[in-house]
Each structure stands twice: as C-alpha cells, then as structure tokens.
Amino acid sequence: MKKTILSFSIFIVTLYFIGCREKLAETKNDKVVEVSVETADYEIVNIEDQSRKALAKNLSQYEISELEKLPTNKKILYKIVLSKDIKENQVKPTVEKIISKLTTEDSDIDEIILWLYSDKELSNSSYDIGTAIWAPFGKLGNINANIAKNNNRDNYLIDYQIKNNLD
C-alpha cells in the first residue's frame, strides 16, 4: 500500500514539474515584438465643421432656453492628402498620428472624420484611399451631453475603411 501511495505521489509531483516547465517554455516564447512603421507625410487640404448641439432627446422636446444650455458636439471632417508613395501599412499609423495631433491641439473635439486622398485634385469628391472615424465605439452619433461637456474619451476607437492594395 505504501508503495502505491509513494508511486502515486511521485507521479503527481512529476506531472507538476513537467507542467511548470512547459508553462515556462511558453512564457519564454511569448515575446512582445514591436514593429515601428514610419508614418507618411500628409497635408490637410480642407476642414469642414459639422458641429451641432449634443441632444439627449428629440429636438422638438426642448425649450429654447434648454437648447441654449446644451453643450456642442464638436464634429470635424478633415480632407487629407497623403504622400503619393504611401504604403498600405503606413495608413493606420499615419491616421493615429493625425488624430493624436488634432486632439492634442483641441481637447474639445468630440468626433473626427478623416477622408484620405492620394492627390489634391481628388479632394473635391469622395475619398480614394479611405476614411477613418474617431468617435465613441468608432461610430458617429454616439455623443451625448455628458461626453461633449466632460470630454470623456474612455470608449473612443478609430474605425478604418482603407482601400486594399495601395502598394
């Protein structure tokens, strides 16, 4: 009986050590590799202010005095020409750089829309490279009075729609 218990104990201890060794090996192999991608040059060619009051209910349900007190949902559309030699893997880092710069310069901005172009001549029509939206949950129209007034950015994401095969 003692042999059986001893054998069983050795078996359990062996399994424990093997399990730990495998876990250590996994941890050693889980290296975080950061790849730095250079951002592209860009030029902001047009800015369109699409701001409006941050409504919590239908417009017709407000008194004029209430409307005057509501904070503004500052929503801006930027038309941006990216450098002609931009690579597909540079678009997202460039967009992140642009949004970071814009929000640093204006902390009251609530929603950003970027239309991305390959040529300034195309900027009078719809974008040809893609678009990016910086807003709560990456979707326009989620701004309420609390977000607009307090600049709460907890749930902000960037939603990208980028043309494939830019290279």
C-alpha atoms as a PDB file:
ATOM      1  CA  MET A   1       0.000   0.000   0.000  1.00  0.00           C
ATOM      2  CA  LYS A   2       2.856   2.378   0.883  1.00  0.00           C
ATOM      3  CA  LYS A   3       4.467   1.646  -2.497  1.00  0.00           C
ATOM      4  CA  THR A   4       1.252   2.594  -4.285  1.00  0.00           C
ATOM      5  CA  ILE A   5       0.928   5.866  -2.399  1.00  0.00           C
ATOM      6  CA  LEU A   6       4.610   6.643  -2.949  1.00  0.00           C
ATOM      7  CA  SER A   7       4.339   5.850  -6.678  1.00  0.00           C
ATOM      8  CA  PHE A   8       1.201   7.952  -6.990  1.00  0.00           C
ATOM      9  CA  SER A   9       2.874  10.872  -5.147  1.00  0.00           C
ATOM     10  CA  ILE A  10       5.929  10.700  -7.404  1.00  0.00           C
ATOM     11  CA  PHE A  11       3.646  10.632 -10.442  1.00  0.00           C
ATOM     12  CA  ILE A  12       1.762  13.757  -9.251  1.00  0.00           C
ATOM     13  CA  VAL A  13       4.990  15.645  -8.453  1.00  0.00           C
ATOM     14  CA  THR A  14       6.439  14.687 -11.852  1.00  0.00           C
ATOM     15  CA  LEU A  15       3.320  15.974 -13.627  1.00  0.00           C
ATOM     16  CA  TYR A  16       3.543  19.201 -11.663  1.00  0.00           C
ATOM     17  CA  PHE A  17       7.145  19.827 -12.685  1.00  0.00           C
ATOM     18  CA  ILE A  18       6.525  18.906 -16.329  1.00  0.00           C
ATOM     19  CA  GLY A  19       3.537  21.265 -16.394  1.00  0.00           C
ATOM     20  CA  CYS A  20       5.594  24.066 -14.891  1.00  0.00           C
ATOM     21  CA  ARG A  21       8.421  23.533 -17.368  1.00  0.00           C
ATOM     22  CA  GLU A  22       6.043  23.697 -20.304  1.00  0.00           C
ATOM     23  CA  LYS A  23       4.487  26.866 -18.937  1.00  0.00           C
ATOM     24  CA  LEU A  24       7.940  28.432 -18.515  1.00  0.00           C
ATOM     25  CA  ALA A  25       8.800  27.475 -22.073  1.00  0.00           C
ATOM     26  CA  GLU A  26       5.585  29.090 -23.297  1.00  0.00           C
ATOM     27  CA  THR A  27       6.343  32.238 -21.339  1.00  0.00           C
ATOM     28  CA  LYS A  28       9.842  32.423 -22.817  1.00  0.00           C
ATOM     29  CA  ASN A  29       8.444  32.079 -26.332  1.00  0.00           C
ATOM     30  CA  ASP A  30       5.777  34.772 -25.844  1.00  0.00           C
ATOM     31  CA  LYS A  31       7.976  37.697 -26.784  1.00  0.00           C
ATOM     32  CA  VAL A  32       6.356  41.031 -27.492  1.00  0.00           C
ATOM     33  CA  VAL A  33       7.817  42.363 -30.681  1.00  0.00           C
ATOM     34  CA  GLU A  34       7.047  45.950 -31.526  1.00  0.00           C
ATOM     35  CA  VAL A  35       7.444  46.837 -35.144  1.00  0.00           C
ATOM     36  CA  SER A  36       7.805  50.510 -35.835  1.00  0.00           C
ATOM     37  CA  VAL A  37       6.299  51.672 -39.116  1.00  0.00           C
ATOM     38  CA  GLU A  38       7.231  55.094 -40.373  1.00  0.00           C
ATOM     39  CA  THR A  39       4.265  57.393 -40.898  1.00  0.00           C
ATOM     40  CA  ALA A  40       3.617  59.080 -44.221  1.00  0.00           C
ATOM     41  CA  ASP A  41       3.696  62.787 -44.967  1.00  0.00           C
ATOM     42  CA  TYR A  42       0.291  64.424 -45.232  1.00  0.00           C
ATOM     43  CA  GLU A  43      -1.424  67.734 -45.868  1.00  0.00           C
ATOM     44  CA  ILE A  44      -4.806  68.837 -44.536  1.00  0.00           C
ATOM     45  CA  VAL A  45      -6.458  70.457 -47.572  1.00  0.00           C
ATOM     46  CA  ASN A  46      -9.950  71.128 -46.222  1.00  0.00           C
ATOM     47  CA  ILE A  47     -11.662  71.363 -42.831  1.00  0.00           C
ATOM     48  CA  GLU A  48     -15.438  71.216 -42.508  1.00  0.00           C
ATOM     49  CA  ASP A  49     -17.090  71.938 -39.166  1.00  0.00           C
ATOM     50  CA  GLN A  50     -20.128  69.676 -38.747  1.00  0.00           C
ATOM     51  CA  SER A  51     -20.748  70.554 -35.100  1.00  0.00           C
ATOM     52  CA  ARG A  52     -24.219  70.531 -33.558  1.00  0.00           C
ATOM     53  CA  LYS A  53     -25.841  70.500 -30.143  1.00  0.00           C
ATOM     54  CA  ALA A  54     -25.451  67.247 -28.179  1.00  0.00           C
ATOM     55  CA  LEU A  55     -29.081  66.221 -27.860  1.00  0.00           C
ATOM     56  CA  ALA A  56     -30.395  63.666 -25.378  1.00  0.00           C
ATOM     57  CA  LYS A  57     -33.944  63.676 -26.736  1.00  0.00           C
ATOM     58  CA  ASN A  58     -35.847  64.841 -29.825  1.00  0.00           C
ATOM     59  CA  LEU A  59     -35.246  68.456 -30.774  1.00  0.00           C
ATOM     60  CA  SER A  60     -38.968  69.253 -30.514  1.00  0.00           C
ATOM     61  CA  GLN A  61     -38.951  68.223 -26.841  1.00  0.00           C
ATOM     62  CA  TYR A  62     -36.593  71.040 -25.836  1.00  0.00           C
ATOM     63  CA  GLU A  63     -37.439  74.565 -24.758  1.00  0.00           C
ATOM     64  CA  ILE A  64     -35.307  77.270 -26.379  1.00  0.00           C
ATOM     65  CA  SER A  65     -33.643  78.043 -23.045  1.00  0.00           C
ATOM     66  CA  GLU A  66     -32.696  74.342 -22.665  1.00  0.00           C
ATOM     67  CA  LEU A  67     -31.183  74.230 -26.157  1.00  0.00           C
ATOM     68  CA  GLU A  68     -29.003  77.228 -25.406  1.00  0.00           C
ATOM     69  CA  LYS A  69     -27.538  75.439 -22.369  1.00  0.00           C
ATOM     70  CA  LEU A  70     -26.716  72.172 -24.179  1.00  0.00           C
ATOM     71  CA  PRO A  71     -23.039  71.528 -24.923  1.00  0.00           C
ATOM     72  CA  THR A  72     -21.866  71.338 -28.515  1.00  0.00           C
ATOM     73  CA  ASN A  73     -20.861  68.074 -30.170  1.00  0.00           C
ATOM     74  CA  LYS A  74     -17.751  69.294 -31.955  1.00  0.00           C
ATOM     75  CA  LYS A  75     -17.565  67.143 -35.089  1.00  0.00           C
ATOM     76  CA  ILE A  76     -14.986  67.964 -37.767  1.00  0.00           C
ATOM     77  CA  LEU A  77     -14.366  66.479 -41.220  1.00  0.00           C
ATOM     78  CA  TYR A  78     -10.764  66.734 -42.418  1.00  0.00           C
ATOM     79  CA  LYS A  79      -9.821  66.079 -46.035  1.00  0.00           C
ATOM     80  CA  ILE A  80      -6.234  64.903 -46.079  1.00  0.00           C
ATOM     81  CA  VAL A  81      -3.859  64.233 -48.946  1.00  0.00           C
ATOM     82  CA  LEU A  82      -1.310  61.549 -48.126  1.00  0.00           C
ATOM     83  CA  SER A  83       2.070  61.305 -49.814  1.00  0.00           C
ATOM     84  CA  LYS A  84       1.993  59.614 -53.217  1.00  0.00           C
ATOM     85  CA  ASP A  85       4.407  56.877 -52.150  1.00  0.00           C
ATOM     86  CA  ILE A  86       2.379  55.785 -49.098  1.00  0.00           C
ATOM     87  CA  LYS A  87       2.319  52.054 -48.358  1.00  0.00           C
ATOM     88  CA  GLU A  88      -0.735  50.225 -47.065  1.00  0.00           C
ATOM     89  CA  ASN A  89       0.951  49.510 -43.712  1.00  0.00           C
ATOM     90  CA  GLN A  90       1.596  53.255 -43.196  1.00  0.00           C
ATOM     91  CA  VAL A  91      -2.039  54.372 -43.385  1.00  0.00           C
ATOM     92  CA  LYS A  92      -3.169  53.380 -39.874  1.00  0.00           C
ATOM     93  CA  PRO A  93      -0.080  54.763 -38.074  1.00  0.00           C
ATOM     94  CA  THR A  94      -0.418  57.988 -40.062  1.00  0.00           C
ATOM     95  CA  VAL A  95      -4.120  58.271 -39.148  1.00  0.00           C
ATOM     96  CA  GLU A  96      -3.270  57.680 -35.476  1.00  0.00           C
ATOM     97  CA  LYS A  97      -0.601  60.389 -35.658  1.00  0.00           C
ATOM     98  CA  ILE A  98      -3.046  62.850 -37.252  1.00  0.00           C
ATOM     99  CA  ILE A  99      -5.781  62.162 -34.691  1.00  0.00           C
ATOM    100  CA  SER A 100      -3.318  62.443 -31.821  1.00  0.00           C
ATOM    101  CA  LYS A 101      -2.113  65.807 -33.122  1.00  0.00           C
ATOM    102  CA  LEU A 102      -5.659  67.115 -33.664  1.00  0.00           C
ATOM    103  CA  THR A 103      -6.915  66.052 -30.226  1.00  0.00           C
ATOM    104  CA  THR A 104      -3.809  67.464 -28.543  1.00  0.00           C
ATOM    105  CA  GLU A 105      -4.360  70.814 -30.240  1.00  0.00           C
ATOM    106  CA  ASP A 106      -8.120  70.827 -29.495  1.00  0.00           C
ATOM    107  CA  SER A 107      -9.225  68.785 -26.483  1.00  0.00           C
ATOM    108  CA  ASP A 108     -12.883  69.801 -27.018  1.00  0.00           C
ATOM    109  CA  ILE A 109     -13.220  67.921 -30.301  1.00  0.00           C
ATOM    110  CA  ASP A 110     -15.754  65.088 -29.947  1.00  0.00           C
ATOM    111  CA  GLU A 111     -15.781  63.347 -33.335  1.00  0.00           C
ATOM    112  CA  ILE A 112     -13.217  63.326 -36.133  1.00  0.00           C
ATOM    113  CA  ILE A 113     -13.807  62.156 -39.684  1.00  0.00           C
ATOM    114  CA  LEU A 114     -10.782  61.803 -41.959  1.00  0.00           C
ATOM    115  CA  TRP A 115     -11.188  61.425 -45.716  1.00  0.00           C
ATOM    116  CA  LEU A 116      -7.904  60.263 -47.205  1.00  0.00           C
ATOM    117  CA  TYR A 117      -6.793  61.120 -50.733  1.00  0.00           C
ATOM    118  CA  SER A 118      -3.866  60.252 -52.959  1.00  0.00           C
ATOM    119  CA  ASP A 119      -3.988  63.564 -54.837  1.00  0.00           C
ATOM    120  CA  LYS A 120      -5.147  67.093 -54.001  1.00  0.00           C
ATOM    121  CA  GLU A 121      -7.112  67.244 -57.290  1.00  0.00           C
ATOM    122  CA  LEU A 122      -9.387  64.443 -55.993  1.00  0.00           C
ATOM    123  CA  SER A 123     -10.261  66.194 -52.738  1.00  0.00           C
ATOM    124  CA  ASN A 124     -13.429  67.760 -54.158  1.00  0.00           C
ATOM    125  CA  SER A 125     -15.014  64.321 -54.447  1.00  0.00           C
ATOM    126  CA  SER A 126     -15.266  61.263 -52.233  1.00  0.00           C
ATOM    127  CA  TYR A 127     -12.059  59.834 -50.773  1.00  0.00           C
ATOM    128  CA  ASP A 128      -9.974  57.378 -52.822  1.00  0.00           C
ATOM    129  CA  ILE A 129      -7.598  55.915 -50.212  1.00  0.00           C
ATOM    130  CA  GLY A 130     -10.070  55.515 -47.389  1.00  0.00           C
ATOM    131  CA  THR A 131     -11.716  57.028 -44.365  1.00  0.00           C
ATOM    132  CA  ALA A 132     -11.240  56.904 -40.618  1.00  0.00           C
ATOM    133  CA  ILE A 133     -13.659  57.858 -37.853  1.00  0.00           C
ATOM    134  CA  TRP A 134     -12.594  58.679 -34.297  1.00  0.00           C
ATOM    135  CA  ALA A 135     -15.636  58.578 -32.046  1.00  0.00           C
ATOM    136  CA  PRO A 136     -17.169  56.611 -29.166  1.00  0.00           C
ATOM    137  CA  PHE A 137     -17.080  52.937 -30.192  1.00  0.00           C
ATOM    138  CA  GLY A 138     -15.739  54.085 -33.593  1.00  0.00           C
ATOM    139  CA  LYS A 139     -19.225  55.153 -34.726  1.00  0.00           C
ATOM    140  CA  LEU A 140     -20.632  58.609 -35.378  1.00  0.00           C
ATOM    141  CA  GLY A 141     -23.701  59.775 -33.464  1.00  0.00           C
ATOM    142  CA  ASN A 142     -22.826  58.382 -30.036  1.00  0.00           C
ATOM    143  CA  ILE A 143     -22.086  61.769 -28.461  1.00  0.00           C
ATOM    144  CA  ASN A 144     -24.333  62.743 -25.592  1.00  0.00           C
ATOM    145  CA  ALA A 145     -24.309  65.878 -23.442  1.00  0.00           C
ATOM    146  CA  ASN A 146     -22.104  64.212 -20.804  1.00  0.00           C
ATOM    147  CA  ILE A 147     -19.393  63.257 -23.298  1.00  0.00           C
ATOM    148  CA  ALA A 148     -19.479  66.663 -25.008  1.00  0.00           C
ATOM    149  CA  LYS A 149     -19.348  68.581 -21.728  1.00  0.00           C
ATOM    150  CA  ASN A 150     -16.810  66.464 -19.814  1.00  0.00           C
ATOM    151  CA  ASN A 151     -14.667  65.244 -22.745  1.00  0.00           C
ATOM    152  CA  ASN A 152     -14.916  61.646 -21.553  1.00  0.00           C
ATOM    153  CA  ARG A 153     -12.827  59.636 -24.058  1.00  0.00           C
ATOM    154  CA  ASP A 154     -12.972  56.200 -22.385  1.00  0.00           C
ATOM    155  CA  ASN A 155     -14.795  54.382 -25.203  1.00  0.00           C
ATOM    156  CA  TYR A 156     -13.216  56.104 -28.194  1.00  0.00           C
ATOM    157  CA  LEU A 157     -11.973  53.977 -31.070  1.00  0.00           C
ATOM    158  CA  ILE A 158     -10.786  54.561 -34.620  1.00  0.00           C
ATOM    159  CA  ASP A 159     -12.809  52.820 -37.316  1.00  0.00           C
ATOM    160  CA  TYR A 160     -10.843  52.403 -40.559  1.00  0.00           C
ATOM    161  CA  GLN A 161     -12.073  51.765 -44.090  1.00  0.00           C
ATOM    162  CA  ILE A 162      -8.932  51.620 -46.191  1.00  0.00           C
ATOM    163  CA  LYS A 163      -8.611  50.618 -49.844  1.00  0.00           C
ATOM    164  CA  ASN A 164      -6.702  47.356 -50.298  1.00  0.00           C
ATOM    165  CA  ASN A 165      -3.552  47.008 -52.380  1.00  0.00           C
ATOM    166  CA  LEU A 166      -2.152  50.529 -52.071  1.00  0.00           C
ATOM    167  CA  ASP A 167       1.377  49.247 -52.649  1.00  0.00           C
END
